[in-house]
């Protein structure tokens, strides 16, 4: 099972949330490398002093926002009536990998 992290997970990791770190470690111990996207990282990265965030991301695969995904994300946003490109990209990446999005707010996706 593949997991895609949204911004809420990265924020929790940056705040050193024990449950978030414990679940992340279990995934890594089972050989599951969680995925997040470059736009999500940009959304939560504010300072080079976010040591916990950077440490957490070392255990993740970060998917770039590729030019060929732009139309797919745009079409998804149009269908969903949303303007949140970051969330649209998360959903597109998760759908392509048949992965589950780990989020604090599923209604936001």
N, C-alpha and C. Protein backbone atom coordinates (compact mmCIF):
# COMPACT_ATOMS: atom_id res chain seq x y z
N UNK A 1 0.84 -1.18 0.00
CA UNK A 1 0.00 0.00 0.00
C UNK A 1 0.88 1.24 0.00
N UNK A 2 0.65 2.12 -0.94
CA UNK A 2 1.39 3.37 -1.01
C UNK A 2 0.63 4.46 -0.26
N UNK A 3 1.39 5.35 0.34
CA UNK A 3 0.83 6.47 1.10
C UNK A 3 1.38 7.76 0.53
N UNK A 4 0.51 8.75 0.37
CA UNK A 4 0.93 10.09 -0.04
C UNK A 4 0.61 11.04 1.10
N UNK A 5 1.63 11.76 1.55
CA UNK A 5 1.46 12.72 2.64
C UNK A 5 1.03 14.08 2.10
N UNK A 6 0.04 14.69 2.76
CA UNK A 6 -0.32 16.06 2.43
C UNK A 6 0.37 17.01 3.41
N UNK A 7 0.08 18.28 3.31
CA UNK A 7 0.75 19.29 4.13
C UNK A 7 0.53 19.07 5.62
N UNK A 8 -0.64 18.62 6.02
CA UNK A 8 -0.93 18.44 7.45
C UNK A 8 0.03 17.45 8.09
N UNK A 9 0.39 16.41 7.37
CA UNK A 9 1.32 15.41 7.90
C UNK A 9 2.70 16.04 8.09
N UNK A 10 3.15 16.80 7.10
CA UNK A 10 4.46 17.43 7.21
C UNK A 10 4.49 18.47 8.32
N UNK A 11 3.41 19.20 8.49
CA UNK A 11 3.33 20.18 9.58
C UNK A 11 3.39 19.46 10.93
N UNK A 12 2.68 18.36 11.05
CA UNK A 12 2.72 17.58 12.31
C UNK A 12 4.13 17.06 12.58
N UNK A 13 4.80 16.59 11.55
CA UNK A 13 6.18 16.11 11.72
C UNK A 13 7.09 17.24 12.14
N UNK A 14 6.91 18.40 11.53
CA UNK A 14 7.73 19.57 11.86
C UNK A 14 7.51 19.99 13.31
N UNK A 15 6.31 19.77 13.81
CA UNK A 15 5.98 20.10 15.21
C UNK A 15 6.34 18.95 16.16
N UNK A 16 7.01 17.96 15.61
CA UNK A 16 7.48 16.80 16.37
C UNK A 16 6.34 16.00 17.01
N UNK A 17 5.24 15.86 16.27
CA UNK A 17 4.10 15.08 16.74
C UNK A 17 4.51 13.61 16.84
N UNK A 18 4.42 13.05 18.02
CA UNK A 18 4.89 11.68 18.26
C UNK A 18 4.18 10.63 17.42
N UNK A 19 2.86 10.76 17.30
CA UNK A 19 2.10 9.77 16.53
C UNK A 19 2.51 9.80 15.06
N UNK A 20 2.69 10.99 14.52
CA UNK A 20 3.10 11.12 13.12
C UNK A 20 4.46 10.47 12.89
N UNK A 21 5.40 10.76 13.78
CA UNK A 21 6.73 10.16 13.66
C UNK A 21 6.69 8.65 13.83
N UNK A 22 5.89 8.16 14.77
CA UNK A 22 5.80 6.71 15.01
C UNK A 22 5.25 5.99 13.79
N UNK A 23 4.18 6.53 13.20
CA UNK A 23 3.59 5.92 12.01
C UNK A 23 4.58 5.95 10.84
N UNK A 24 5.30 7.04 10.72
CA UNK A 24 6.30 7.18 9.65
C UNK A 24 7.40 6.13 9.81
N UNK A 25 7.88 5.97 11.02
CA UNK A 25 8.93 4.97 11.28
C UNK A 25 8.46 3.56 10.96
N UNK A 26 7.23 3.24 11.33
CA UNK A 26 6.68 1.90 11.04
C UNK A 26 6.64 1.67 9.53
N UNK A 27 6.20 2.67 8.78
CA UNK A 27 6.17 2.52 7.32
C UNK A 27 7.58 2.24 6.78
N UNK A 28 8.54 3.02 7.25
CA UNK A 28 9.92 2.85 6.77
C UNK A 28 10.47 1.48 7.16
N UNK A 29 10.17 1.02 8.38
CA UNK A 29 10.64 -0.29 8.83
C UNK A 29 10.06 -1.42 7.99
N UNK A 30 8.87 -1.20 7.42
CA UNK A 30 8.23 -2.20 6.57
C UNK A 30 8.60 -2.01 5.09
N UNK A 31 9.54 -1.13 4.83
CA UNK A 31 9.99 -0.92 3.46
C UNK A 31 9.07 -0.07 2.62
N UNK A 32 8.13 0.61 3.24
CA UNK A 32 7.22 1.49 2.51
C UNK A 32 7.76 2.91 2.55
N UNK A 33 8.06 3.45 1.40
CA UNK A 33 8.57 4.82 1.33
C UNK A 33 7.40 5.75 1.00
N UNK A 34 6.98 6.56 1.97
CA UNK A 34 5.88 7.49 1.71
C UNK A 34 6.26 8.51 0.65
N UNK A 35 5.25 9.02 -0.01
CA UNK A 35 5.42 10.00 -1.07
C UNK A 35 4.80 11.32 -0.63
N UNK A 36 5.41 12.40 -1.03
CA UNK A 36 4.78 13.71 -0.96
C UNK A 36 5.17 14.43 -2.24
N UNK A 37 4.70 15.65 -2.40
CA UNK A 37 5.00 16.36 -3.64
C UNK A 37 5.79 17.62 -3.36
N UNK A 38 6.52 18.06 -4.37
CA UNK A 38 7.31 19.29 -4.25
C UNK A 38 6.43 20.49 -3.88
N UNK A 39 5.23 20.64 -4.46
CA UNK A 39 4.39 21.76 -4.05
C UNK A 39 3.98 21.70 -2.57
N UNK A 40 3.77 20.51 -2.03
CA UNK A 40 3.46 20.38 -0.60
C UNK A 40 4.65 20.81 0.23
N UNK A 41 5.84 20.38 -0.17
CA UNK A 41 7.04 20.79 0.56
C UNK A 41 7.18 22.31 0.53
N UNK A 42 6.94 22.91 -0.62
CA UNK A 42 7.01 24.37 -0.73
C UNK A 42 5.97 25.04 0.16
N UNK A 43 4.82 24.42 0.29
CA UNK A 43 3.74 24.98 1.10
C UNK A 43 4.10 25.03 2.58
N UNK A 44 4.86 24.08 3.07
CA UNK A 44 5.15 24.02 4.51
C UNK A 44 6.57 24.46 4.88
N UNK A 45 7.45 24.54 3.90
CA UNK A 45 8.84 24.90 4.19
C UNK A 45 8.98 26.41 4.29
N UNK A 46 9.37 26.87 5.47
CA UNK A 46 9.47 28.30 5.71
C UNK A 46 10.86 28.75 6.14
N UNK A 47 11.68 27.82 6.61
CA UNK A 47 12.96 28.22 7.18
C UNK A 47 13.94 27.05 7.14
N UNK A 48 15.22 27.35 6.95
CA UNK A 48 16.21 26.28 7.01
C UNK A 48 16.33 25.71 8.43
N UNK A 49 15.70 26.36 9.39
CA UNK A 49 15.74 25.87 10.78
C UNK A 49 14.68 24.81 11.07
N UNK A 50 13.91 24.43 10.08
CA UNK A 50 12.90 23.38 10.27
C UNK A 50 13.57 22.02 10.18
N UNK A 51 14.38 21.74 11.17
CA UNK A 51 15.19 20.52 11.18
C UNK A 51 14.32 19.27 11.18
N UNK A 52 13.26 19.26 11.96
CA UNK A 52 12.39 18.07 12.02
C UNK A 52 11.77 17.79 10.66
N UNK A 53 11.33 18.84 9.99
CA UNK A 53 10.73 18.67 8.66
C UNK A 53 11.74 18.06 7.69
N UNK A 54 12.93 18.61 7.68
CA UNK A 54 13.95 18.11 6.75
C UNK A 54 14.34 16.66 7.07
N UNK A 55 14.41 16.34 8.35
CA UNK A 55 14.71 14.96 8.75
C UNK A 55 13.60 14.01 8.30
N UNK A 56 12.35 14.42 8.49
CA UNK A 56 11.19 13.63 8.09
C UNK A 56 11.21 13.38 6.58
N UNK A 57 11.53 14.42 5.82
CA UNK A 57 11.51 14.31 4.37
C UNK A 57 12.60 13.39 3.82
N UNK A 58 13.66 13.16 4.59
CA UNK A 58 14.71 12.24 4.13
C UNK A 58 14.15 10.83 3.95
N UNK A 59 13.05 10.51 4.64
CA UNK A 59 12.43 9.20 4.51
C UNK A 59 11.31 9.16 3.49
N UNK A 60 11.15 10.23 2.71
CA UNK A 60 10.07 10.32 1.74
C UNK A 60 10.61 10.44 0.32
N UNK A 61 9.78 10.04 -0.62
CA UNK A 61 10.08 10.32 -2.03
C UNK A 61 9.27 11.56 -2.39
N UNK A 62 9.95 12.57 -2.91
CA UNK A 62 9.29 13.83 -3.26
C UNK A 62 9.08 13.86 -4.77
N UNK A 63 7.82 13.92 -5.17
CA UNK A 63 7.45 13.92 -6.58
C UNK A 63 7.38 15.36 -7.08
N UNK A 64 8.09 15.68 -8.16
CA UNK A 64 8.01 17.04 -8.70
C UNK A 64 6.68 17.28 -9.40
N UNK A 65 6.37 18.54 -9.62
CA UNK A 65 5.19 18.89 -10.42
C UNK A 65 5.68 19.02 -11.86
N UNK A 66 5.44 17.99 -12.63
CA UNK A 66 5.92 17.94 -14.01
C UNK A 66 4.98 18.69 -14.94
N UNK A 67 5.55 19.26 -15.98
CA UNK A 67 4.76 20.04 -16.94
C UNK A 67 3.63 19.22 -17.55
N UNK A 68 3.86 17.94 -17.78
CA UNK A 68 2.83 17.11 -18.40
C UNK A 68 1.66 16.81 -17.46
N UNK A 69 1.78 17.15 -16.19
CA UNK A 69 0.67 16.95 -15.24
C UNK A 69 -0.24 18.18 -15.15
N UNK A 70 0.20 19.30 -15.67
CA UNK A 70 -0.53 20.56 -15.50
C UNK A 70 -1.96 20.47 -16.02
N UNK A 71 -2.15 19.92 -17.20
CA UNK A 71 -3.50 19.83 -17.77
C UNK A 71 -4.38 18.86 -16.98
N UNK A 72 -3.80 17.76 -16.55
CA UNK A 72 -4.56 16.78 -15.75
C UNK A 72 -5.01 17.40 -14.43
N UNK A 73 -4.11 18.10 -13.76
CA UNK A 73 -4.45 18.76 -12.49
C UNK A 73 -5.50 19.83 -12.74
N UNK A 74 -5.33 20.62 -13.79
CA UNK A 74 -6.30 21.66 -14.11
C UNK A 74 -7.69 21.10 -14.38
N UNK A 75 -7.76 20.01 -15.13
CA UNK A 75 -9.05 19.38 -15.42
C UNK A 75 -9.70 18.87 -14.14
N UNK A 76 -8.89 18.27 -13.26
CA UNK A 76 -9.41 17.79 -11.98
C UNK A 76 -9.98 18.95 -11.16
N UNK A 77 -9.24 20.06 -11.11
CA UNK A 77 -9.71 21.22 -10.35
C UNK A 77 -11.01 21.76 -10.93
N UNK A 78 -11.11 21.78 -12.25
CA UNK A 78 -12.35 22.24 -12.88
C UNK A 78 -13.53 21.36 -12.52
N UNK A 79 -13.32 20.05 -12.55
CA UNK A 79 -14.39 19.11 -12.19
C UNK A 79 -14.79 19.24 -10.73
N UNK A 80 -13.79 19.45 -9.87
CA UNK A 80 -14.05 19.53 -8.43
C UNK A 80 -14.51 20.91 -7.99
N UNK A 81 -14.40 21.89 -8.87
CA UNK A 81 -14.76 23.26 -8.49
C UNK A 81 -13.80 23.84 -7.47
N UNK A 82 -12.54 23.52 -7.62
CA UNK A 82 -11.52 23.96 -6.67
C UNK A 82 -10.44 24.75 -7.41
N UNK A 83 -9.70 25.53 -6.66
CA UNK A 83 -8.58 26.28 -7.23
C UNK A 83 -7.26 25.90 -6.56
N UNK A 84 -7.27 24.90 -5.69
CA UNK A 84 -6.08 24.54 -4.92
C UNK A 84 -5.20 23.58 -5.73
N UNK A 85 -4.21 24.15 -6.39
CA UNK A 85 -3.32 23.38 -7.25
C UNK A 85 -2.53 22.34 -6.47
N UNK A 86 -2.13 22.69 -5.25
CA UNK A 86 -1.35 21.75 -4.43
C UNK A 86 -2.18 20.50 -4.13
N UNK A 87 -3.41 20.69 -3.69
CA UNK A 87 -4.28 19.54 -3.42
C UNK A 87 -4.59 18.76 -4.70
N UNK A 88 -4.81 19.47 -5.79
CA UNK A 88 -5.07 18.79 -7.06
C UNK A 88 -3.90 17.92 -7.49
N UNK A 89 -2.70 18.41 -7.27
CA UNK A 89 -1.51 17.63 -7.62
C UNK A 89 -1.39 16.40 -6.72
N UNK A 90 -1.67 16.57 -5.42
CA UNK A 90 -1.64 15.43 -4.49
C UNK A 90 -2.59 14.33 -4.96
N UNK A 91 -3.80 14.71 -5.31
CA UNK A 91 -4.81 13.73 -5.74
C UNK A 91 -4.36 13.06 -7.04
N UNK A 92 -3.82 13.82 -7.96
CA UNK A 92 -3.35 13.26 -9.23
C UNK A 92 -2.22 12.26 -9.02
N UNK A 93 -1.26 12.62 -8.16
CA UNK A 93 -0.14 11.72 -7.86
C UNK A 93 -0.65 10.45 -7.19
N UNK A 94 -1.56 10.60 -6.23
CA UNK A 94 -2.10 9.44 -5.51
C UNK A 94 -2.88 8.53 -6.46
N UNK A 95 -3.68 9.11 -7.33
CA UNK A 95 -4.47 8.31 -8.27
C UNK A 95 -3.57 7.53 -9.22
N UNK A 96 -2.51 8.16 -9.70
CA UNK A 96 -1.59 7.49 -10.63
C UNK A 96 -0.89 6.31 -9.98
N UNK A 97 -0.68 6.38 -8.67
CA UNK A 97 0.02 5.31 -7.95
C UNK A 97 -0.94 4.38 -7.21
N UNK A 98 -2.25 4.59 -7.38
CA UNK A 98 -3.26 3.85 -6.61
C UNK A 98 -2.92 3.89 -5.13
N UNK A 99 -2.57 5.08 -4.66
CA UNK A 99 -2.14 5.28 -3.27
C UNK A 99 -3.23 5.96 -2.46
N UNK A 100 -3.07 5.88 -1.15
CA UNK A 100 -3.97 6.53 -0.21
C UNK A 100 -3.34 7.84 0.23
N UNK A 101 -4.15 8.90 0.27
CA UNK A 101 -3.66 10.19 0.76
C UNK A 101 -3.88 10.24 2.26
N UNK A 102 -2.82 10.50 2.99
CA UNK A 102 -2.91 10.68 4.44
C UNK A 102 -3.08 12.17 4.68
N UNK A 103 -4.24 12.56 5.19
CA UNK A 103 -4.57 13.96 5.37
C UNK A 103 -5.35 14.17 6.65
N UNK A 104 -5.29 15.37 7.16
CA UNK A 104 -6.08 15.72 8.34
C UNK A 104 -7.47 16.19 7.92
N UNK A 105 -7.64 16.54 6.65
CA UNK A 105 -8.90 17.10 6.18
C UNK A 105 -9.25 16.54 4.81
N UNK A 106 -9.90 15.39 4.79
CA UNK A 106 -10.26 14.74 3.52
C UNK A 106 -11.23 15.58 2.70
N UNK A 107 -12.05 16.40 3.35
CA UNK A 107 -12.99 17.25 2.63
C UNK A 107 -12.26 18.31 1.81
N UNK A 108 -11.02 18.60 2.20
CA UNK A 108 -10.23 19.60 1.50
C UNK A 108 -9.72 19.09 0.16
N UNK A 109 -9.67 17.77 0.00
CA UNK A 109 -9.16 17.19 -1.25
C UNK A 109 -10.28 17.01 -2.21
